[in-house]
């Protein structure tokens, strides 16, 4: 059964808002969900399996760098926030 990426985007937006991430916006581009701070993409979550996402970071060159981190949306948000990637400017 295919995953409903619109529903996942909404869930991610709620997760961010619950963690004082109201300055962040979630954008769906096909399958990955991108978290933007203003107009700048910061973090991408790539769906790999039910309740499993891979965390990617935006490199200063503009390319995405995959990380070895995989887990639930909530776990990936906590990890990215802990690394300072979701803080306001």
PDB file of N, CA and C in Angstrom:
ATOM      1  N   UNK A   1       0.839  -1.182   0.000  1.00  0.00           N
ATOM      2  CA  UNK A   1       0.000   0.000   0.000  1.00  0.00           C
ATOM      3  C   UNK A   1       0.886   1.247   0.000  1.00  0.00           C
ATOM      4  N   UNK A   2       0.672   2.171  -0.934  1.00  0.00           N
ATOM      5  CA  UNK A   2       1.509   3.371  -1.003  1.00  0.00           C
ATOM      6  C   UNK A   2       1.273   4.295   0.192  1.00  0.00           C
ATOM      7  N   UNK A   3       2.312   4.976   0.562  1.00  0.00           N
ATOM      8  CA  UNK A   3       2.220   5.909   1.686  1.00  0.00           C
ATOM      9  C   UNK A   3       1.606   7.223   1.193  1.00  0.00           C
ATOM     10  N   UNK A   4       0.761   7.818   2.019  1.00  0.00           N
ATOM     11  CA  UNK A   4       0.129   9.103   1.706  1.00  0.00           C
ATOM     12  C   UNK A   4       1.085  10.211   2.144  1.00  0.00           C
ATOM     13  N   UNK A   5       1.852  10.750   1.195  1.00  0.00           N
ATOM     14  CA  UNK A   5       2.872  11.744   1.526  1.00  0.00           C
ATOM     15  C   UNK A   5       2.256  13.054   2.007  1.00  0.00           C
ATOM     16  N   UNK A   6       1.049  13.383   1.565  1.00  0.00           N
ATOM     17  CA  UNK A   6       0.393  14.590   2.082  1.00  0.00           C
ATOM     18  C   UNK A   6       0.092  14.430   3.571  1.00  0.00           C
ATOM     19  N   UNK A   7      -0.372  13.259   3.952  1.00  0.00           N
ATOM     20  CA  UNK A   7      -0.638  12.991   5.371  1.00  0.00           C
ATOM     21  C   UNK A   7       0.668  13.018   6.167  1.00  0.00           C
ATOM     22  N   UNK A   8       1.729  12.469   5.606  1.00  0.00           N
ATOM     23  CA  UNK A   8       3.031  12.481   6.280  1.00  0.00           C
ATOM     24  C   UNK A   8       3.552  13.921   6.424  1.00  0.00           C
ATOM     25  N   UNK A   9       3.345  14.745   5.390  1.00  0.00           N
ATOM     26  CA  UNK A   9       3.760  16.149   5.455  1.00  0.00           C
ATOM     27  C   UNK A   9       3.029  16.860   6.582  1.00  0.00           C
ATOM     28  N   UNK A  10       1.733  16.639   6.685  1.00  0.00           N
ATOM     29  CA  UNK A  10       0.942  17.264   7.751  1.00  0.00           C
ATOM     30  C   UNK A  10       1.401  16.788   9.125  1.00  0.00           C
ATOM     31  N   UNK A  11       1.690  15.506   9.254  1.00  0.00           N
ATOM     32  CA  UNK A  11       2.173  14.963  10.530  1.00  0.00           C
ATOM     33  C   UNK A  11       3.514  15.581  10.905  1.00  0.00           C
ATOM     34  N   UNK A  12       4.394  15.742   9.927  1.00  0.00           N
ATOM     35  CA  UNK A  12       5.695  16.363  10.184  1.00  0.00           C
ATOM     36  C   UNK A  12       5.521  17.817  10.598  1.00  0.00           C
ATOM     37  N   UNK A  13       4.625  18.545   9.943  1.00  0.00           N
ATOM     38  CA  UNK A  13       4.380  19.945  10.305  1.00  0.00           C
ATOM     39  C   UNK A  13       3.862  20.044  11.742  1.00  0.00           C
ATOM     40  N   UNK A  14       2.975  19.132  12.138  1.00  0.00           N
ATOM     41  CA  UNK A  14       2.469  19.121  13.520  1.00  0.00           C
ATOM     42  C   UNK A  14       3.585  18.785  14.510  1.00  0.00           C
ATOM     43  N   UNK A  15       4.449  17.845  14.145  1.00  0.00           N
ATOM     44  CA  UNK A  15       5.576  17.466  15.004  1.00  0.00           C
ATOM     45  C   UNK A  15       6.493  18.660  15.226  1.00  0.00           C
ATOM     46  N   UNK A  16       6.775  19.396  14.161  1.00  0.00           N
ATOM     47  CA  UNK A  16       7.633  20.584  14.284  1.00  0.00           C
ATOM     48  C   UNK A  16       6.978  21.655  15.139  1.00  0.00           C
ATOM     49  N   UNK A  17       5.699  21.905  14.925  1.00  0.00           N
ATOM     50  CA  UNK A  17       4.978  22.930  15.693  1.00  0.00           C
ATOM     51  C   UNK A  17       4.966  22.584  17.179  1.00  0.00           C
ATOM     52  N   UNK A  18       4.836  21.310  17.505  1.00  0.00           N
ATOM     53  CA  UNK A  18       4.829  20.878  18.902  1.00  0.00           C
ATOM     54  C   UNK A  18       6.185  21.079  19.566  1.00  0.00           C
ATOM     55  N   UNK A  19       7.230  21.227  18.758  1.00  0.00           N
ATOM     56  CA  UNK A  19       8.595  21.425  19.275  1.00  0.00           C
ATOM     57  C   UNK A  19       9.082  22.849  19.033  1.00  0.00           C
ATOM     58  N   UNK A  20       8.161  23.806  19.043  1.00  0.00           N
ATOM     59  CA  UNK A  20       8.475  25.219  18.820  1.00  0.00           C
ATOM     60  C   UNK A  20       9.104  25.456  17.455  1.00  0.00           C
ATOM     61  N   UNK A  21       8.685  24.698  16.472  1.00  0.00           N
ATOM     62  CA  UNK A  21       9.211  24.849  15.120  1.00  0.00           C
ATOM     63  C   UNK A  21       8.242  25.560  14.201  1.00  0.00           C
ATOM     64  N   UNK A  22       7.520  26.544  14.729  1.00  0.00           N
ATOM     65  CA  UNK A  22       6.544  27.255  13.900  1.00  0.00           C
ATOM     66  C   UNK A  22       7.230  28.104  12.836  1.00  0.00           C
ATOM     67  N   UNK A  23       8.532  28.335  12.947  1.00  0.00           N
ATOM     68  CA  UNK A  23       9.285  29.090  11.938  1.00  0.00           C
ATOM     69  C   UNK A  23       9.687  28.202  10.760  1.00  0.00           C
ATOM     70  N   UNK A  24       9.362  26.914  10.841  1.00  0.00           N
ATOM     71  CA  UNK A  24       9.749  25.954   9.814  1.00  0.00           C
ATOM     72  C   UNK A  24       8.560  25.582   8.941  1.00  0.00           C
ATOM     73  N   UNK A  25       8.844  25.290   7.682  1.00  0.00           N
ATOM     74  CA  UNK A  25       7.815  24.903   6.725  1.00  0.00           C
ATOM     75  C   UNK A  25       8.203  23.563   6.117  1.00  0.00           C
ATOM     76  N   UNK A  26       7.209  22.698   5.927  1.00  0.00           N
ATOM     77  CA  UNK A  26       7.451  21.400   5.304  1.00  0.00           C
ATOM     78  C   UNK A  26       6.939  21.446   3.876  1.00  0.00           C
ATOM     79  N   UNK A  27       7.796  21.037   2.950  1.00  0.00           N
ATOM     80  CA  UNK A  27       7.457  21.026   1.532  1.00  0.00           C
ATOM     81  C   UNK A  27       7.566  19.590   1.038  1.00  0.00           C
ATOM     82  N   UNK A  28       6.570  19.150   0.297  1.00  0.00           N
ATOM     83  CA  UNK A  28       6.589  17.807  -0.279  1.00  0.00           C
ATOM     84  C   UNK A  28       6.979  17.926  -1.740  1.00  0.00           C
ATOM     85  N   UNK A  29       8.028  17.232  -2.115  1.00  0.00           N
ATOM     86  CA  UNK A  29       8.470  17.151  -3.506  1.00  0.00           C
ATOM     87  C   UNK A  29       8.520  15.672  -3.866  1.00  0.00           C
ATOM     88  N   UNK A  30       7.461  15.184  -4.492  1.00  0.00           N
ATOM     89  CA  UNK A  30       7.335  13.748  -4.778  1.00  0.00           C
ATOM     90  C   UNK A  30       7.397  12.990  -3.457  1.00  0.00           C
ATOM     91  N   UNK A  31       8.445  12.203  -3.231  1.00  0.00           N
ATOM     92  CA  UNK A  31       8.492  11.405  -2.014  1.00  0.00           C
ATOM     93  C   UNK A  31       9.219  12.078  -0.848  1.00  0.00           C
ATOM     94  N   UNK A  32      10.344  12.747  -1.038  1.00  0.00           N
ATOM     95  CA  UNK A  32      10.992  13.319   0.144  1.00  0.00           C
ATOM     96  C   UNK A  32      10.198  14.496   0.704  1.00  0.00           C
ATOM     97  N   UNK A  33      10.330  14.678   2.017  1.00  0.00           N
ATOM     98  CA  UNK A  33       9.765  15.843   2.691  1.00  0.00           C
ATOM     99  C   UNK A  33      10.929  16.738   3.078  1.00  0.00           C
ATOM    100  N   UNK A  34      10.841  18.008   2.712  1.00  0.00           N
ATOM    101  CA  UNK A  34      11.912  18.956   2.977  1.00  0.00           C
ATOM    102  C   UNK A  34      11.457  19.946   4.033  1.00  0.00           C
ATOM    103  N   UNK A  35      12.305  20.177   5.022  1.00  0.00           N
ATOM    104  CA  UNK A  35      12.035  21.174   6.050  1.00  0.00           C
ATOM    105  C   UNK A  35      12.828  22.413   5.686  1.00  0.00           C
ATOM    106  N   UNK A  36      12.087  23.516   5.533  1.00  0.00           N
ATOM    107  CA  UNK A  36      12.714  24.789   5.148  1.00  0.00           C
ATOM    108  C   UNK A  36      12.656  25.765   6.317  1.00  0.00           C
ATOM    109  N   UNK A  37      13.707  26.543   6.425  1.00  0.00           N
ATOM    110  CA  UNK A  37      13.770  27.645   7.383  1.00  0.00           C
ATOM    111  C   UNK A  37      13.778  28.897   6.531  1.00  0.00           C
ATOM    112  N   UNK A  38      12.640  29.600   6.489  1.00  0.00           N
ATOM    113  CA  UNK A  38      12.498  30.702   5.545  1.00  0.00           C
ATOM    114  C   UNK A  38      12.465  30.117   4.144  1.00  0.00           C
ATOM    115  N   UNK A  39      13.305  30.617   3.257  1.00  0.00           N
ATOM    116  CA  UNK A  39      13.355  30.079   1.898  1.00  0.00           C
ATOM    117  C   UNK A  39      14.485  29.069   1.720  1.00  0.00           C
ATOM    118  N   UNK A  40      15.158  28.727   2.822  1.00  0.00           N
ATOM    119  CA  UNK A  40      16.325  27.854   2.746  1.00  0.00           C
ATOM    120  C   UNK A  40      15.993  26.425   3.178  1.00  0.00           C
ATOM    121  N   UNK A  41      16.131  25.457   2.279  1.00  0.00           N
ATOM    122  CA  UNK A  41      15.967  24.056   2.674  1.00  0.00           C
ATOM    123  C   UNK A  41      17.092  23.662   3.624  1.00  0.00           C
ATOM    124  N   UNK A  42      16.751  23.001   4.712  1.00  0.00           N
ATOM    125  CA  UNK A  42      17.748  22.619   5.715  1.00  0.00           C
ATOM    126  C   UNK A  42      17.889  21.109   5.854  1.00  0.00           C
ATOM    127  N   UNK A  43      16.738  20.432   5.914  1.00  0.00           N
ATOM    128  CA  UNK A  43      16.716  19.008   6.221  1.00  0.00           C
ATOM    129  C   UNK A  43      15.749  18.327   5.268  1.00  0.00           C
ATOM    130  N   UNK A  44      16.106  17.124   4.866  1.00  0.00           N
ATOM    131  CA  UNK A  44      15.204  16.340   4.024  1.00  0.00           C
ATOM    132  C   UNK A  44      15.016  14.978   4.678  1.00  0.00           C
ATOM    133  N   UNK A  45      13.773  14.523   4.682  1.00  0.00           N
ATOM    134  CA  UNK A  45      13.451  13.193   5.176  1.00  0.00           C
ATOM    135  C   UNK A  45      13.015  12.349   3.993  1.00  0.00           C
ATOM    136  N   UNK A  46      13.730  11.277   3.771  1.00  0.00           N
ATOM    137  CA  UNK A  46      13.475  10.377   2.647  1.00  0.00           C
ATOM    138  C   UNK A  46      12.792   9.125   3.188  1.00  0.00           C
ATOM    139  N   UNK A  47      11.605   8.837   2.673  1.00  0.00           N
ATOM    140  CA  UNK A  47      10.839   7.667   3.100  1.00  0.00           C
ATOM    141  C   UNK A  47      11.534   6.403   2.605  1.00  0.00           C
ATOM    142  N   UNK A  48      11.765   5.445   3.530  1.00  0.00           N
ATOM    143  CA  UNK A  48      12.399   4.196   3.111  1.00  0.00           C
ATOM    144  C   UNK A  48      11.540   2.971   3.430  1.00  0.00           C
ATOM    145  N   UNK A  49      10.670   3.061   4.413  1.00  0.00           N
ATOM    146  CA  UNK A  49       9.785   1.948   4.793  1.00  0.00           C
ATOM    147  C   UNK A  49       8.775   2.492   5.796  1.00  0.00           C
ATOM    148  N   UNK A  50       7.709   1.743   6.077  1.00  0.00           N
ATOM    149  CA  UNK A  50       6.745   2.231   7.069  1.00  0.00           C
ATOM    150  C   UNK A  50       7.434   2.618   8.387  1.00  0.00           C
ATOM    151  N   UNK A  51       7.189   3.847   8.806  1.00  0.00           N
ATOM    152  CA  UNK A  51       7.778   4.396  10.035  1.00  0.00           C
ATOM    153  C   UNK A  51       9.308   4.460  10.008  1.00  0.00           C
ATOM    154  N   UNK A  52       9.908   4.445   8.818  1.00  0.00           N
ATOM    155  CA  UNK A  52      11.366   4.548   8.684  1.00  0.00           C
ATOM    156  C   UNK A  52      11.696   5.626   7.668  1.00  0.00           C
ATOM    157  N   UNK A  53      12.473   6.587   8.104  1.00  0.00           N
ATOM    158  CA  UNK A  53      12.892   7.705   7.261  1.00  0.00           C
ATOM    159  C   UNK A  53      14.398   7.866   7.395  1.00  0.00           C
ATOM    160  N   UNK A  54      15.029   8.342   6.324  1.00  0.00           N
ATOM    161  CA  UNK A  54      16.462   8.661   6.362  1.00  0.00           C
ATOM    162  C   UNK A  54      16.598  10.169   6.415  1.00  0.00           C
ATOM    163  N   UNK A  55      17.508  10.639   7.233  1.00  0.00           N
ATOM    164  CA  UNK A  55      17.758  12.062   7.413  1.00  0.00           C
ATOM    165  C   UNK A  55      18.877  12.506   6.485  1.00  0.00           C
ATOM    166  N   UNK A  56      18.628  13.559   5.697  1.00  0.00           N
ATOM    167  CA  UNK A  56      19.637  14.163   4.824  1.00  0.00           C
ATOM    168  C   UNK A  56      19.792  15.626   5.217  1.00  0.00           C
ATOM    169  N   UNK A  57      21.011  16.139   5.127  1.00  0.00           N
ATOM    170  CA  UNK A  57      21.273  17.553   5.408  1.00  0.00           C
ATOM    171  C   UNK A  57      21.679  18.265   4.126  1.00  0.00           C
ATOM    172  N   UNK A  58      21.324  19.529   4.048  1.00  0.00           N
ATOM    173  CA  UNK A  58      21.715  20.358   2.914  1.00  0.00           C
ATOM    174  C   UNK A  58      23.136  20.838   3.158  1.00  0.00           C
ATOM    175  N   UNK A  59      24.012  20.560   2.220  1.00  0.00           N
ATOM    176  CA  UNK A  59      25.408  20.994   2.272  1.00  0.00           C
ATOM    177  C   UNK A  59      25.483  22.441   1.807  1.00  0.00           C
ATOM    178  N   UNK A  60      26.488  23.177   2.225  1.00  0.00           N
ATOM    179  CA  UNK A  60      26.626  24.580   1.819  1.00  0.00           C
ATOM    180  C   UNK A  60      26.770  24.730   0.302  1.00  0.00           C
ATOM    181  N   UNK A  61      27.156  23.655  -0.383  1.00  0.00           N
ATOM    182  CA  UNK A  61      27.267  23.700  -1.843  1.00  0.00           C
ATOM    183  C   UNK A  61      25.896  23.614  -2.524  1.00  0.00           C
ATOM    184  N   UNK A  62      24.855  23.295  -1.727  1.00  0.00           N
ATOM    185  CA  UNK A  62      23.515  23.178  -2.278  1.00  0.00           C
ATOM    186  C   UNK A  62      23.085  21.744  -2.517  1.00  0.00           C
ATOM    187  N   UNK A  63      23.999  20.817  -2.382  1.00  0.00           N
ATOM    188  CA  UNK A  63      23.659  19.403  -2.575  1.00  0.00           C
ATOM    189  C   UNK A  63      23.197  18.782  -1.264  1.00  0.00           C
ATOM    190  N   UNK A  64      22.433  17.699  -1.404  1.00  0.00           N
ATOM    191  CA  UNK A  64      21.974  16.960  -0.232  1.00  0.00           C
ATOM    192  C   UNK A  64      23.001  15.906   0.148  1.00  0.00           C
ATOM    193  N   UNK A  65      23.273  15.809   1.451  1.00  0.00           N
ATOM    194  CA  UNK A  65      24.185  14.795   1.961  1.00  0.00           C
ATOM    195  C   UNK A  65      23.385  13.783   2.774  1.00  0.00           C
ATOM    196  N   UNK A  66      23.311  12.548   2.309  1.00  0.00           N
ATOM    197  CA  UNK A  66      22.644  11.521   3.114  1.00  0.00           C
ATOM    198  C   UNK A  66      23.424  11.273   4.405  1.00  0.00           C
ATOM    199  N   UNK A  67      22.718  10.937   5.439  1.00  0.00           N
ATOM    200  CA  UNK A  67      23.356  10.577   6.707  1.00  0.00           C
ATOM    201  C   UNK A  67      23.067   9.102   6.978  1.00  0.00           C
ATOM    202  N   UNK A  68      23.737   8.515   7.940  1.00  0.00           N
ATOM    203  CA  UNK A  68      23.439   7.120   8.293  1.00  0.00           C
ATOM    204  C   UNK A  68      22.228   6.987   9.216  1.00  0.00           C
ATOM    205  N   UNK A  69      21.594   8.116   9.556  1.00  0.00           N
ATOM    206  CA  UNK A  69      20.525   8.104  10.544  1.00  0.00           C
ATOM    207  C   UNK A  69      19.194   7.711   9.916  1.00  0.00           C
ATOM    208  N   UNK A  70      18.526   6.732  10.548  1.00  0.00           N
ATOM    209  CA  UNK A  70      17.223   6.254  10.089  1.00  0.00           C
ATOM    210  C   UNK A  70      16.339   6.042  11.299  1.00  0.00           C
ATOM    211  N   UNK A  71      15.050   6.354  11.145  1.00  0.00           N
ATOM    212  CA  UNK A  71      14.106   6.149  12.241  1.00  0.00           C
ATOM    213  C   UNK A  71      12.772   6.785  11.919  1.00  0.00           C
ATOM    214  N   UNK A  72      11.968   6.986  12.937  1.00  0.00           N
ATOM    215  CA  UNK A  72      10.654   7.599  12.761  1.00  0.00           C
ATOM    216  C   UNK A  72      10.815   9.097  12.474  1.00  0.00           C
ATOM    217  N   UNK A  73       9.747   9.701  12.011  1.00  0.00           N
ATOM    218  CA  UNK A  73       9.783  11.152  11.767  1.00  0.00           C
ATOM    219  C   UNK A  73      10.170  11.884  13.039  1.00  0.00           C
ATOM    220  N   UNK A  74       9.559  11.512  14.139  1.00  0.00           N
ATOM    221  CA  UNK A  74       9.833  12.166  15.414  1.00  0.00           C
ATOM    222  C   UNK A  74      11.301  12.039  15.820  1.00  0.00           C
ATOM    223  N   UNK A  75      11.860  10.847  15.665  1.00  0.00           N
ATOM    224  CA  UNK A  75      13.273  10.633  16.002  1.00  0.00           C
ATOM    225  C   UNK A  75      14.186  11.475  15.120  1.00  0.00           C
ATOM    226  N   UNK A  76      13.876  11.579  13.840  1.00  0.00           N
ATOM    227  CA  UNK A  76      14.713  12.343  12.919  1.00  0.00           C
ATOM    228  C   UNK A  76      14.618  13.840  13.210  1.00  0.00           C
ATOM    229  N   UNK A  77      13.431  14.318  13.580  1.00  0.00           N
ATOM    230  CA  UNK A  77      13.277  15.727  13.960  1.00  0.00           C
ATOM    231  C   UNK A  77      14.087  16.007  15.225  1.00  0.00           C
ATOM    232  N   UNK A  78      13.989  15.137  16.221  1.00  0.00           N
ATOM    233  CA  UNK A  78      14.764  15.320  17.450  1.00  0.00           C
ATOM    234  C   UNK A  78      16.262  15.344  17.166  1.00  0.00           C
ATOM    235  N   UNK A  79      16.717  14.455  16.304  1.00  0.00           N
ATOM    236  CA  UNK A  79      18.130  14.386  15.957  1.00  0.00           C
ATOM    237  C   UNK A  79      18.585  15.660  15.241  1.00  0.00           C
ATOM    238  N   UNK A  80      17.818  16.089  14.235  1.00  0.00           N
ATOM    239  CA  UNK A  80      18.176  17.305  13.495  1.00  0.00           C
ATOM    240  C   UNK A  80      18.168  18.524  14.409  1.00  0.00           C
ATOM    241  N   UNK A  81      17.181  18.603  15.304  1.00  0.00           N
ATOM    242  CA  UNK A  81      17.111  19.729  16.237  1.00  0.00           C
ATOM    243  C   UNK A  81      18.294  19.700  17.199  1.00  0.00           C
ATOM    244  N   UNK A  82      18.647  18.516  17.667  1.00  0.00           N
ATOM    245  CA  UNK A  82      19.786  18.379  18.568  1.00  0.00           C
ATOM    246  C   UNK A  82      21.104  18.774  17.928  1.00  0.00           C
ATOM    247  N   UNK A  83      21.163  18.677  16.610  1.00  0.00           N
ATOM    248  CA  UNK A  83      22.372  19.074  15.875  1.00  0.00           C
ATOM    249  C   UNK A  83      22.317  20.547  15.471  1.00  0.00           C
ATOM    250  N   UNK A  84      21.271  21.251  15.876  1.00  0.00           N
ATOM    251  CA  UNK A  84      21.154  22.681  15.581  1.00  0.00           C
ATOM    252  C   UNK A  84      20.682  23.018  14.190  1.00  0.00           C
ATOM    253  N   UNK A  85      20.150  22.047  13.456  1.00  0.00           N
ATOM    254  CA  UNK A  85      19.763  22.272  12.071  1.00  0.00           C
ATOM    255  C   UNK A  85      18.374  22.900  11.921  1.00  0.00           C
ATOM    256  N   UNK A  86      17.605  22.986  13.004  1.00  0.00           N
ATOM    257  CA  UNK A  86      16.244  23.502  12.909  1.00  0.00           C
ATOM    258  C   UNK A  86      16.038  24.758  13.748  1.00  0.00           C
ATOM    259  N   UNK A  87      17.115  25.362  14.190  1.00  0.00           N
ATOM    260  CA  UNK A  87      17.010  26.566  15.010  1.00  0.00           C
ATOM    261  C   UNK A  87      16.666  27.775  14.158  1.00  0.00           C
ATOM    262  N   UNK A  88      15.954  28.759  14.731  1.00  0.00           N
ATOM    263  CA  UNK A  88      15.704  29.987  13.968  1.00  0.00           C
ATOM    264  C   UNK A  88      17.017  30.733  13.726  1.00  0.00           C
ATOM    265  N   UNK A  89      17.001  31.586  12.710  1.00  0.00           N
ATOM    266  CA  UNK A  89      18.216  32.363  12.408  1.00  0.00           C
ATOM    267  C   UNK A  89      18.531  33.309  13.520  1.00  0.00           C
TER     268      UNK A  89
END
